[in-house]
Protein backbone atom coordinates (compact mmCIF):
# COMPACT_ATOMS: atom_id res chain seq x y z
CA UNK A 1 -10.64 -5.77 6.11
CA UNK A 2 -13.26 -7.16 3.91
CA UNK A 3 -12.51 -8.41 0.84
CA UNK A 4 -14.81 -9.58 -2.14
CA UNK A 5 -14.02 -10.37 -5.43
CA UNK A 6 -14.67 -7.65 -8.33
CA UNK A 7 -14.40 -9.42 -12.01
CA UNK A 8 -10.63 -9.45 -12.77
CA UNK A 9 -10.08 -8.05 -9.26
CA UNK A 10 -11.21 -7.20 -6.01
CA UNK A 11 -12.92 -4.68 -3.84
CA UNK A 12 -11.43 -3.76 -0.44
CA UNK A 13 -13.68 -1.91 2.32
CA UNK A 14 -11.86 0.56 3.98
CA UNK A 15 -11.01 0.24 7.60
CA UNK A 16 -11.80 3.57 8.99
CA UNK A 17 -14.67 4.75 6.46
CA UNK A 18 -17.24 1.73 6.16
CA UNK A 19 -19.00 1.64 3.07
CA UNK A 20 -16.14 3.15 1.19
CA UNK A 21 -14.55 0.34 -1.46
CA UNK A 22 -11.24 0.66 -2.72
CA UNK A 23 -10.64 -1.52 -6.33
CA UNK A 24 -7.51 -3.78 -6.05
CA UNK A 25 -5.85 -5.51 -8.85
CA UNK A 26 -3.08 -7.31 -6.64
CA UNK A 27 -0.87 -8.61 -9.97
CA UNK A 28 0.16 -5.02 -11.35
CA UNK A 29 -0.10 -3.96 -8.63
CA UNK A 30 -2.62 -1.21 -8.70
CA UNK A 31 -5.11 0.51 -5.56
CA UNK A 32 -7.26 3.42 -6.00
CA UNK A 33 -7.09 4.57 -2.36
CA UNK A 34 -5.25 7.59 -2.02
CA UNK A 35 -2.37 6.12 0.00
CA UNK A 36 -1.26 4.16 -3.00
CA UNK A 37 -1.80 6.65 -5.85
CA UNK A 38 -0.09 9.53 -3.86
CA UNK A 39 2.38 8.13 -1.75
CA UNK A 40 3.26 4.16 -2.38
CA UNK A 41 3.05 4.44 -6.66
CA UNK A 42 6.20 6.96 -5.95
CA UNK A 43 8.22 4.31 -4.04
CA UNK A 44 6.92 1.66 -6.01
CA UNK A 45 5.24 0.15 -3.05
CA UNK A 46 2.36 -1.38 -2.19
CA UNK A 47 -0.46 0.13 0.36
CA UNK A 48 -2.44 -1.86 2.93
CA UNK A 49 -5.16 -2.96 0.92
CA UNK A 50 -2.91 -4.62 -1.77
CA UNK A 51 -0.96 -6.59 1.00
CA UNK A 52 -4.26 -7.79 2.30
CA UNK A 53 -5.76 -8.86 -1.01
CA UNK A 54 -2.35 -10.57 -1.53
CA UNK A 55 -2.93 -12.64 1.58
CA UNK A 56 -6.53 -13.65 1.17
CA UNK A 57 -5.57 -14.96 -2.51
CA UNK A 58 -2.88 -16.85 -0.71
CA UNK A 59 -4.54 -18.06 1.67
CA UNK A 60 -7.58 -18.72 -0.64
CA UNK A 61 -5.30 -20.51 -2.84
CA UNK A 62 -3.63 -22.93 -0.10
CA UNK A 63 -7.52 -23.83 1.09
CA UNK A 64 -8.03 -24.97 -2.55
CA UNK A 65 -5.17 -26.70 -2.75
CA UNK A 66 -5.41 -28.64 0.50
CA UNK A 67 -9.53 -29.63 -0.59
CA UNK A 68 -8.13 -30.85 -3.75
CA UNK A 69 -5.63 -33.06 -1.82
CA UNK A 70 -8.04 -34.42 0.35
CA UNK A 71 -8.61 -38.02 -0.85
CA UNK A 72 -6.58 -37.75 -3.86
CA UNK A 73 -3.30 -38.08 -2.18
CA UNK A 74 -4.23 -40.85 0.01
CA UNK A 75 -5.61 -42.76 -2.85
CA UNK A 76 -2.25 -42.46 -4.77
CA UNK A 77 -0.34 -43.47 -1.90
CA UNK A 78 -2.61 -46.26 -1.00
CA UNK A 79 -2.25 -47.43 -4.74
CA UNK A 80 1.16 -48.13 -4.65
CA UNK A 81 2.13 -44.26 -5.46
CA UNK A 82 1.03 -44.28 -8.76
CA UNK A 83 -1.80 -44.73 -10.67
CA UNK A 84 -3.55 -44.11 -14.05
CA UNK A 85 -4.19 -40.55 -14.91
CA UNK A 86 -7.90 -41.23 -16.21
CA UNK A 87 -8.88 -43.14 -13.56
CA UNK A 88 -7.87 -40.72 -11.09
CA UNK A 89 -9.57 -37.70 -13.33
CA UNK A 90 -12.57 -39.94 -13.45
CA UNK A 91 -12.57 -40.76 -9.62
CA UNK A 92 -12.02 -37.14 -8.40
CA UNK A 93 -12.58 -34.84 -11.34
CA UNK A 94 -10.13 -32.82 -13.55
CA UNK A 95 -10.19 -29.68 -11.56
CA UNK A 96 -8.85 -31.43 -8.41
CA UNK A 97 -6.06 -33.19 -10.17
CA UNK A 98 -5.23 -30.06 -12.21
CA UNK A 99 -4.67 -28.01 -9.50
CA UNK A 100 -2.52 -30.32 -7.89
CA UNK A 101 -0.35 -30.59 -10.80
CA UNK A 102 -0.23 -26.91 -10.81
CA UNK A 103 0.53 -26.61 -7.04
CA UNK A 104 3.16 -29.04 -7.77
CA UNK A 105 2.06 -31.95 -5.23
CA UNK A 106 1.48 -34.65 -8.14
CA UNK A 107 2.96 -34.97 -11.61
CA UNK A 108 1.82 -36.69 -14.58
CA UNK A 109 4.58 -38.54 -16.98
CA UNK A 110 3.12 -40.82 -19.75
CA UNK A 111 -0.13 -41.59 -18.58
CA UNK A 112 0.65 -42.13 -14.77
CA UNK A 113 0.40 -39.75 -12.02
CA UNK A 114 2.71 -39.86 -8.97
CA UNK A 115 3.13 -37.86 -5.82
CA UNK A 116 6.28 -35.52 -5.86
CA UNK A 117 7.88 -35.88 -2.67
């Protein structure tokens, strides 16, 4: 399925009708396709578009974590398993360090960053 980010949600192209796009919010969940509105909403289920977006988001987040970890974890390990937080942010950038903290790969405590094992 063709998936595109659209503001706070996503657009998913229909598999059977090229050029027809559905609006999807995987968090609520919500899709404006007929299958969701008339079947899944009553059952509190999800349609194939919501499932596809959730898989897309999970895959994208995993790729982001792997990309952020590239070099950072090796550097921390090489430095004895603990580094100064400011030094790490200056070397690799705040976004990479924050994404690894949010993913539970590293932890910051009292200005030092360690790898969680």
